[in-house]
């Protein structure tokens, strides 16, 4: 192999597991304990950066991981908001697996990896999209991570609410067209901004928006005016990717560019901003007049969600370790308040503790004896589900 990554077969065969699970399997097989029925749940103790909520991502890959393995899996639908604990402080499961422990013990490590990183990226994307509101956000972060992960990262960002992704493979995965502008390399190859913008306009398909990069050699305001005068009504937007050493007060720069375009009759030209953005900067720059954002490292290098898997029943007996609660559970959610209540699995359906309304069960069948029984929605449908949920959440 030229690049360092695991194949599908290696992941499914447990070659990406921790060694102590391999040794555990060896021991329980030797002692004839591998056939004991074990129920394990997946929870998180706390979320990074004091996030009050997360967005679950990676469930489709979990289904493929357990496909052909004789286990039952229940999970929250992909894209679901989740909390570390319900309204009473009871730890909240996002998934549980049941079957002979020897059948799935080697898959714990990849199972956690599939949702820990993706859920972190999706949560960060959802927070940034919430800050941006109706303004467009595009994922620019794949250059910061191993290329083998780029489809997953772009999918996670898109599901979290981003409006598009820059990579070819990421766009293929989400069944959308890739989105992007132009690099400084294009300007430098021509040695002249106007020649580069006009060449882009001449060569690239007309259905691609003309967004001119306007910070290569001159002041952003001056290059924005030059681009507008060069492309006229064909110019869709200008992108500011100003380096930190030249950025100064970026809010003032954006306001200045907006003013100079407007007074010259180019009110239709949008201001696209990129470079070192996070949710706080997106919120501030939105107020200054930025209308679209390219966000990279903040999402692709988002902190992971530290999910853990714990056996909570063995052959029907409660066996949870210290700090965990034994027994099969269900998470009941009010679809309006998004308030959760965690109860024993067969408890009667509760009312919402906040508004007294109806609640819905969140843990639903995903796998039955190694067969996928849930519908796996398309990325666009998951994204819409996420956007509908975050509208109901507070600003935190």
Protein backbone atom coordinates (compact mmCIF):
# COMPACT_ATOMS: atom_id res chain seq x y z
CA UNK A 1 0.00 0.00 0.00
CA UNK A 2 1.27 3.46 -0.91
CA UNK A 3 -0.75 5.24 1.79
CA UNK A 4 -1.35 4.34 5.42
CA UNK A 5 -5.00 3.43 5.86
CA UNK A 6 -7.05 0.32 6.61
CA UNK A 7 -9.18 -1.39 3.96
CA UNK A 8 -12.87 -2.20 4.40
CA UNK A 9 -12.02 -5.87 4.95
CA UNK A 10 -9.37 -5.10 7.55
CA UNK A 11 -11.81 -2.92 9.51
CA UNK A 12 -14.63 -5.48 9.39
CA UNK A 13 -12.27 -8.31 10.34
CA UNK A 14 -11.16 -6.52 13.48
CA UNK A 15 -7.61 -5.65 12.41
CA UNK A 16 -8.06 -2.06 13.58
CA UNK A 17 -8.96 -3.11 17.12
CA UNK A 18 -6.96 -2.63 20.31
CA UNK A 19 -4.82 -5.63 21.27
CA UNK A 20 -6.61 -6.17 24.58
CA UNK A 21 -9.83 -7.02 22.74
CA UNK A 22 -7.97 -9.58 20.65
CA UNK A 23 -6.59 -11.12 23.85
CA UNK A 24 -10.02 -10.98 25.47
CA UNK A 25 -11.49 -12.92 22.56
CA UNK A 26 -8.73 -15.51 22.86
CA UNK A 27 -9.36 -15.94 26.60
CA UNK A 28 -13.18 -16.13 26.50
CA UNK A 29 -13.04 -18.65 23.65
CA UNK A 30 -10.63 -20.80 25.64
CA UNK A 31 -12.92 -20.60 28.69
CA UNK A 32 -16.10 -21.07 26.62
CA UNK A 33 -17.54 -17.67 27.58
CA UNK A 34 -17.64 -16.26 24.04
CA UNK A 35 -21.26 -17.37 23.45
CA UNK A 36 -22.67 -15.50 26.46
CA UNK A 37 -25.26 -12.93 25.41
CA UNK A 38 -23.99 -9.42 26.20
CA UNK A 39 -25.92 -6.15 25.95
CA UNK A 40 -23.63 -3.13 25.57
CA UNK A 41 -24.58 0.55 25.32
CA UNK A 42 -22.75 3.56 23.89
CA UNK A 43 -22.73 6.79 25.91
CA UNK A 44 -20.63 9.91 26.42
CA UNK A 45 -19.80 11.42 29.80
CA UNK A 46 -19.32 14.98 28.60
CA UNK A 47 -18.91 16.88 25.36
CA UNK A 48 -15.83 18.88 24.30
CA UNK A 49 -15.63 22.65 24.70
CA UNK A 50 -18.62 22.56 27.09
CA UNK A 51 -21.02 21.90 24.21
CA UNK A 52 -24.50 21.33 25.66
CA UNK A 53 -25.53 19.11 22.75
CA UNK A 54 -24.01 17.06 19.97
CA UNK A 55 -25.08 15.76 16.56
CA UNK A 56 -24.77 12.02 15.98
CA UNK A 57 -22.94 11.05 12.78
CA UNK A 58 -21.57 7.75 11.47
CA UNK A 59 -24.60 5.50 11.91
CA UNK A 60 -24.64 4.43 8.24
CA UNK A 61 -21.05 3.21 8.60
CA UNK A 62 -21.98 1.44 11.84
CA UNK A 63 -24.64 -0.47 9.93
CA UNK A 64 -22.08 -1.60 7.38
CA UNK A 65 -19.59 -2.48 10.14
CA UNK A 66 -22.08 -4.86 11.82
CA UNK A 67 -23.56 -6.19 8.59
CA UNK A 68 -23.17 -9.96 8.57
CA UNK A 69 -22.39 -10.07 12.30
CA UNK A 70 -25.16 -11.92 14.24
CA UNK A 71 -26.08 -9.05 16.56
CA UNK A 72 -29.02 -6.72 17.11
CA UNK A 73 -28.33 -2.98 17.12
CA UNK A 74 -30.58 -0.13 18.17
CA UNK A 75 -29.46 3.44 17.51
CA UNK A 76 -30.65 7.00 17.31
CA UNK A 77 -31.22 8.04 13.68
CA UNK A 78 -28.17 9.61 12.06
CA UNK A 79 -28.21 13.37 12.52
CA UNK A 80 -30.04 13.23 15.86
CA UNK A 81 -29.25 15.78 18.53
CA UNK A 82 -28.00 13.98 21.63
CA UNK A 83 -27.01 14.99 25.14
CA UNK A 84 -24.55 13.48 27.63
CA UNK A 85 -27.48 13.10 30.04
CA UNK A 86 -31.24 13.59 30.14
CA UNK A 87 -33.08 16.32 32.05
CA UNK A 88 -32.52 14.48 35.36
CA UNK A 89 -28.82 13.83 34.77
CA UNK A 90 -29.18 10.18 33.69
CA UNK A 91 -26.50 9.24 31.14
CA UNK A 92 -28.02 8.97 27.68
CA UNK A 93 -27.28 6.05 25.31
CA UNK A 94 -27.09 6.76 21.58
CA UNK A 95 -26.83 3.08 20.61
CA UNK A 96 -26.86 -0.43 22.04
CA UNK A 97 -25.62 -3.75 20.69
CA UNK A 98 -26.78 -7.21 21.75
CA UNK A 99 -25.42 -10.63 20.86
CA UNK A 100 -22.80 -13.18 21.78
CA UNK A 101 -19.90 -11.07 23.00
CA UNK A 102 -17.38 -13.16 21.13
CA UNK A 103 -19.06 -12.12 17.87
CA UNK A 104 -18.52 -8.39 18.32
CA UNK A 105 -15.78 -7.75 20.87
CA UNK A 106 -13.19 -7.10 18.14
CA UNK A 107 -15.42 -4.41 16.63
CA UNK A 108 -15.64 -2.11 19.66
CA UNK A 109 -12.64 -0.01 18.65
CA UNK A 110 -13.71 0.67 15.04
CA UNK A 111 -17.34 1.07 16.16
CA UNK A 112 -16.35 3.90 18.47
CA UNK A 113 -13.98 5.44 15.95
CA UNK A 114 -16.71 5.66 13.32
CA UNK A 115 -18.94 7.87 15.47
CA UNK A 116 -16.44 9.68 17.73
CA UNK A 117 -14.67 11.67 15.01
CA UNK A 118 -17.63 12.09 12.66
CA UNK A 119 -19.93 13.28 15.45
CA UNK A 120 -17.34 15.84 16.56
CA UNK A 121 -17.03 17.24 13.04
CA UNK A 122 -20.79 17.26 12.49
CA UNK A 123 -21.44 18.97 15.82
CA UNK A 124 -18.88 21.70 15.08
CA UNK A 125 -20.40 22.15 11.61
CA UNK A 126 -23.91 22.45 13.07
CA UNK A 127 -22.74 25.08 15.55
CA UNK A 128 -21.09 27.10 12.78
CA UNK A 129 -24.15 26.81 10.54
CA UNK A 130 -26.33 27.95 13.43
CA UNK A 131 -24.10 31.02 13.80
CA UNK A 132 -24.23 31.70 10.04
CA UNK A 133 -28.02 31.43 9.79
CA UNK A 134 -29.20 31.67 6.20
CA UNK A 135 -25.72 32.57 4.92
CA UNK A 136 -23.92 29.87 2.93
CA UNK A 137 -21.10 27.84 4.49
CA UNK A 138 -18.81 25.58 2.44
CA UNK A 139 -16.43 22.91 3.80
CA UNK A 140 -12.82 23.75 2.94
CA UNK A 141 -11.04 21.56 5.50
CA UNK A 142 -9.91 18.38 3.78
CA UNK A 143 -6.37 19.63 3.17
CA UNK A 144 -5.77 19.59 6.91
CA UNK A 145 -6.41 15.86 7.38
CA UNK A 146 -5.38 12.51 5.85
CA UNK A 147 -6.91 12.29 2.36
CA UNK A 148 -8.41 8.88 3.14
CA UNK A 149 -10.72 10.69 5.57
CA UNK A 150 -11.81 13.47 3.21
CA UNK A 151 -15.12 11.86 2.12
CA UNK A 152 -16.12 11.22 5.74
CA UNK A 153 -15.19 14.74 6.82
CA UNK A 154 -17.05 16.38 3.95
CA UNK A 155 -20.11 14.22 4.57
CA UNK A 156 -20.00 15.09 8.28
CA UNK A 157 -19.78 18.82 7.53
CA UNK A 158 -22.64 18.64 5.03
CA UNK A 159 -24.86 16.65 7.37
CA UNK A 160 -24.13 19.24 10.06
CA UNK A 161 -25.73 21.90 7.88
CA UNK A 162 -23.00 23.14 5.57
CA UNK A 163 -24.30 24.10 2.14
CA UNK A 164 -21.61 22.36 0.15
CA UNK A 165 -18.15 20.79 0.11
CA UNK A 166 -15.04 21.52 -1.92
CA UNK A 167 -13.66 18.06 -2.65
CA UNK A 168 -14.54 15.96 -5.68
CA UNK A 169 -14.89 12.72 -3.72
CA UNK A 170 -16.77 14.38 -0.85
CA UNK A 171 -19.28 15.83 -3.27
CA UNK A 172 -19.73 12.40 -4.86
CA UNK A 173 -20.47 10.86 -1.44
CA UNK A 174 -23.18 13.42 -0.63
CA UNK A 175 -24.53 13.34 -4.21
CA UNK A 176 -24.07 17.08 -4.71
CA UNK A 177 -21.87 19.22 -6.95
CA UNK A 178 -18.54 20.35 -5.46
CA UNK A 179 -18.33 24.01 -4.52
CA UNK A 180 -15.34 26.35 -4.53
CA UNK A 181 -13.81 29.51 -5.95
CA UNK A 182 -10.21 29.89 -7.17
CA UNK A 183 -6.79 29.61 -5.52
CA UNK A 184 -4.03 32.20 -5.26
CA UNK A 185 -2.00 29.85 -7.50
CA UNK A 186 -4.26 30.74 -10.43
CA UNK A 187 -3.65 34.46 -9.96
CA UNK A 188 0.08 33.96 -9.56
CA UNK A 189 0.35 31.78 -12.69
CA UNK A 190 -1.03 34.67 -14.73
CA UNK A 191 0.84 37.34 -12.78
CA UNK A 192 -2.21 39.53 -13.16
CA UNK A 193 -5.50 39.39 -11.29
CA UNK A 194 -7.70 40.63 -14.14
CA UNK A 195 -6.22 38.19 -16.65
CA UNK A 196 -6.78 35.31 -14.24
CA UNK A 197 -10.40 36.30 -13.51
CA UNK A 198 -11.17 36.69 -17.19
CA UNK A 199 -9.54 33.35 -18.01
CA UNK A 200 -11.71 31.67 -15.35
CA UNK A 201 -14.76 33.34 -16.86
CA UNK A 202 -13.74 32.21 -20.36
CA UNK A 203 -12.83 28.62 -19.61
CA UNK A 204 -15.05 27.42 -16.74
CA UNK A 205 -18.64 26.30 -17.35
CA UNK A 206 -21.19 29.13 -17.05
CA UNK A 207 -23.13 27.25 -14.36
CA UNK A 208 -20.20 27.74 -11.93
CA UNK A 209 -20.60 31.01 -10.00
CA UNK A 210 -17.86 33.55 -10.71
CA UNK A 211 -16.28 34.27 -7.32
CA UNK A 212 -13.08 36.28 -7.70
CA UNK A 213 -10.28 35.98 -5.14
CA UNK A 214 -9.41 39.60 -4.31
CA UNK A 215 -6.47 39.70 -1.92
CA UNK A 216 -3.44 38.39 -3.84
CA UNK A 217 -1.42 41.54 -4.55
CA UNK A 218 -3.43 44.66 -3.75
CA UNK A 219 -5.81 45.98 -1.15
CA UNK A 220 -9.04 43.95 -0.92
CA UNK A 221 -11.18 46.97 -1.72
CA UNK A 222 -9.17 47.80 -4.83
CA UNK A 223 -9.16 44.23 -6.15
CA UNK A 224 -12.89 43.85 -5.46
CA UNK A 225 -13.57 46.96 -7.56
CA UNK A 226 -11.25 45.65 -10.30
CA UNK A 227 -13.06 42.31 -10.37
CA UNK A 228 -16.48 43.94 -10.55
CA UNK A 229 -15.42 46.20 -13.39
CA UNK A 230 -13.78 43.31 -15.25
CA UNK A 231 -16.65 40.81 -15.06
CA UNK A 232 -19.62 43.16 -14.59
CA UNK A 233 -22.91 41.33 -14.07
CA UNK A 234 -21.21 37.95 -14.48
CA UNK A 235 -19.45 38.40 -11.14
CA UNK A 236 -21.30 36.50 -8.42
CA UNK A 237 -19.01 37.31 -5.53
CA UNK A 238 -15.57 38.20 -4.23
CA UNK A 239 -13.60 36.08 -1.79
CA UNK A 240 -11.42 37.52 0.96
CA UNK A 241 -8.80 35.08 2.24
CA UNK A 242 -6.59 37.77 3.75
CA UNK A 243 -3.56 36.36 5.66
CA UNK A 244 -3.32 37.12 9.36
CA UNK A 245 -0.26 39.35 8.89
CA UNK A 246 -2.30 41.67 6.66
CA UNK A 247 -5.75 41.22 8.14
CA UNK A 248 -5.86 44.04 10.69
CA UNK A 249 -9.48 44.65 11.61
CA UNK A 250 -11.21 42.18 9.33
CA UNK A 251 -14.66 43.48 10.23
CA UNK A 252 -13.70 46.94 8.96
CA UNK A 253 -12.20 45.48 5.78
CA UNK A 254 -15.46 43.66 5.00
CA UNK A 255 -17.53 46.76 5.67
CA UNK A 256 -15.23 48.80 3.44
CA UNK A 257 -15.44 46.32 0.56
CA UNK A 258 -19.22 46.18 0.90
CA UNK A 259 -19.50 49.97 0.83
CA UNK A 260 -17.27 50.42 -2.21
CA UNK A 261 -19.09 47.75 -4.19
CA UNK A 262 -22.51 49.15 -3.25
CA UNK A 263 -21.80 52.77 -4.17
CA UNK A 264 -20.60 51.63 -7.60
CA UNK A 265 -23.82 49.73 -8.24
CA UNK A 266 -22.54 46.22 -7.43
CA UNK A 267 -24.91 45.46 -4.56
CA UNK A 268 -25.55 42.03 -6.05
CA UNK A 269 -21.91 40.96 -5.60
CA UNK A 270 -21.62 38.79 -2.50
CA UNK A 271 -18.70 38.80 -0.06
CA UNK A 272 -17.26 35.33 0.57
CA UNK A 273 -14.82 35.01 3.48
CA UNK A 274 -12.36 32.22 4.33
CA UNK A 275 -9.25 31.63 6.38
CA UNK A 276 -9.13 30.56 10.03
CA UNK A 277 -12.86 30.84 10.66
CA UNK A 278 -14.77 29.35 13.58
CA UNK A 279 -18.28 29.82 14.95
CA UNK A 280 -17.43 33.00 16.88
CA UNK A 281 -15.77 34.64 13.87
CA UNK A 282 -18.59 33.59 11.55
CA UNK A 283 -21.12 35.27 13.83
CA UNK A 284 -19.13 38.53 14.00
CA UNK A 285 -18.34 38.62 10.28
CA UNK A 286 -21.98 37.92 9.42
CA UNK A 287 -22.95 41.07 11.27
CA UNK A 288 -20.28 42.98 9.33
CA UNK A 289 -21.78 41.99 5.98
CA UNK A 290 -20.10 38.73 4.95
CA UNK A 291 -22.60 36.59 3.06
CA UNK A 292 -20.80 33.27 2.63
CA UNK A 293 -18.01 31.42 4.39
CA UNK A 294 -15.40 28.80 3.60
CA UNK A 295 -14.63 26.96 6.84
CA UNK A 296 -11.82 24.43 7.05
CA UNK A 297 -9.76 23.39 10.05
CA UNK A 298 -12.41 24.28 12.62
CA UNK A 299 -14.50 21.37 11.33
CA UNK A 300 -11.97 18.90 9.93
CA UNK A 301 -9.92 19.18 13.14
CA UNK A 302 -12.94 19.34 15.44
CA UNK A 303 -12.52 17.64 18.84
CA UNK A 304 -13.77 14.08 18.96
CA UNK A 305 -16.77 13.05 21.00
CA UNK A 306 -15.46 10.53 23.52
CA UNK A 307 -18.12 7.86 23.28
CA UNK A 308 -17.57 4.70 25.31
CA UNK A 309 -19.14 1.24 25.07
CA UNK A 310 -20.00 -0.67 28.24
CA UNK A 311 -21.58 -4.06 28.85
CA UNK A 312 -24.65 -3.46 31.02
CA UNK A 313 -26.34 -6.91 30.88
CA UNK A 314 -24.91 -10.41 30.60
CA UNK A 315 -27.35 -13.25 29.98
CA UNK A 316 -30.08 -10.91 31.27
CA UNK A 317 -28.27 -10.05 34.51
CA UNK A 318 -27.42 -6.43 35.37
CA UNK A 319 -23.63 -6.13 35.32
CA UNK A 320 -22.76 -2.46 34.76
CA UNK A 321 -19.39 -1.32 36.10
CA UNK A 322 -19.00 1.57 38.54
CA UNK A 323 -20.25 4.89 37.16
CA UNK A 324 -22.61 3.26 34.66
CA UNK A 325 -26.27 2.26 34.99
CA UNK A 326 -27.31 -1.34 34.34
CA UNK A 327 -30.12 -2.51 32.11
CA UNK A 328 -31.56 -1.85 28.68
CA UNK A 329 -32.82 1.72 28.29
CA UNK A 330 -34.90 3.86 25.98
CA UNK A 331 -34.47 7.58 25.34
CA UNK A 332 -37.81 9.39 25.08
CA UNK A 333 -37.78 12.81 23.40
CA UNK A 334 -40.27 15.62 23.04
CA UNK A 335 -40.12 16.53 19.33
CA UNK A 336 -40.96 20.17 20.11
CA UNK A 337 -38.80 20.90 23.18
CA UNK A 338 -36.05 18.35 22.38
CA UNK A 339 -36.05 17.42 26.07
CA UNK A 340 -35.04 13.82 26.79
CA UNK A 341 -35.98 11.30 29.46
CA UNK A 342 -34.02 8.05 29.87
CA UNK A 343 -36.06 5.18 31.32
CA UNK A 344 -35.83 1.38 31.54
CA UNK A 345 -36.61 0.00 28.09
CA UNK A 346 -40.07 -1.40 28.82
CA UNK A 347 -41.30 1.54 30.90
CA UNK A 348 -44.55 3.23 29.82
CA UNK A 349 -44.23 6.13 27.41
CA UNK A 350 -43.73 9.33 29.45
CA UNK A 351 -44.99 12.86 28.85
CA UNK A 352 -42.53 15.65 28.15
CA UNK A 353 -41.34 16.99 31.52
CA UNK A 354 -41.10 20.47 29.99
CA UNK A 355 -44.40 20.97 28.15
CA UNK A 356 -46.42 17.84 28.98
CA UNK A 357 -46.60 16.86 25.31
CA UNK A 358 -46.07 13.55 23.50
CA UNK A 359 -42.62 11.93 23.40
CA UNK A 360 -41.03 9.64 20.82
CA UNK A 361 -38.55 6.76 21.31
CA UNK A 362 -35.12 7.69 19.95
CA UNK A 363 -33.40 4.29 20.02
CA UNK A 364 -34.74 2.39 17.02
CA UNK A 365 -33.83 -0.93 15.35
CA UNK A 366 -30.84 -0.61 13.03
CA UNK A 367 -29.71 -4.26 12.75
CA UNK A 368 -31.43 -7.59 13.37
CA UNK A 369 -29.07 -10.57 13.43
CA UNK A 370 -26.61 -8.81 11.18
CA UNK A 371 -29.15 -7.51 8.66
CA UNK A 372 -29.84 -3.82 8.16
CA UNK A 373 -33.51 -3.23 8.98
CA UNK A 374 -33.58 0.58 9.13
CA UNK A 375 -33.82 2.90 6.18
CA UNK A 376 -30.50 4.68 5.66
CA UNK A 377 -31.47 8.19 4.57
CA UNK A 378 -29.55 10.20 2.00
CA UNK A 379 -27.16 12.92 3.20
CA UNK A 380 -29.51 15.68 2.03
CA UNK A 381 -32.34 14.23 4.15
CA UNK A 382 -30.09 13.92 7.20
CA UNK A 383 -28.91 17.51 6.74
CA UNK A 384 -32.50 18.76 6.67
CA UNK A 385 -33.25 16.78 9.84
CA UNK A 386 -30.28 18.46 11.56
CA UNK A 387 -31.30 21.94 10.43
CA UNK A 388 -34.84 21.43 11.72
CA UNK A 389 -33.52 20.38 15.11
CA UNK A 390 -30.97 23.16 15.64
CA UNK A 391 -33.63 25.76 14.96
CA UNK A 392 -35.35 24.54 18.14
CA UNK A 393 -32.23 24.77 20.27
CA UNK A 394 -31.18 27.80 22.26
CA UNK A 395 -28.24 29.92 21.09
CA UNK A 396 -25.76 28.00 23.27
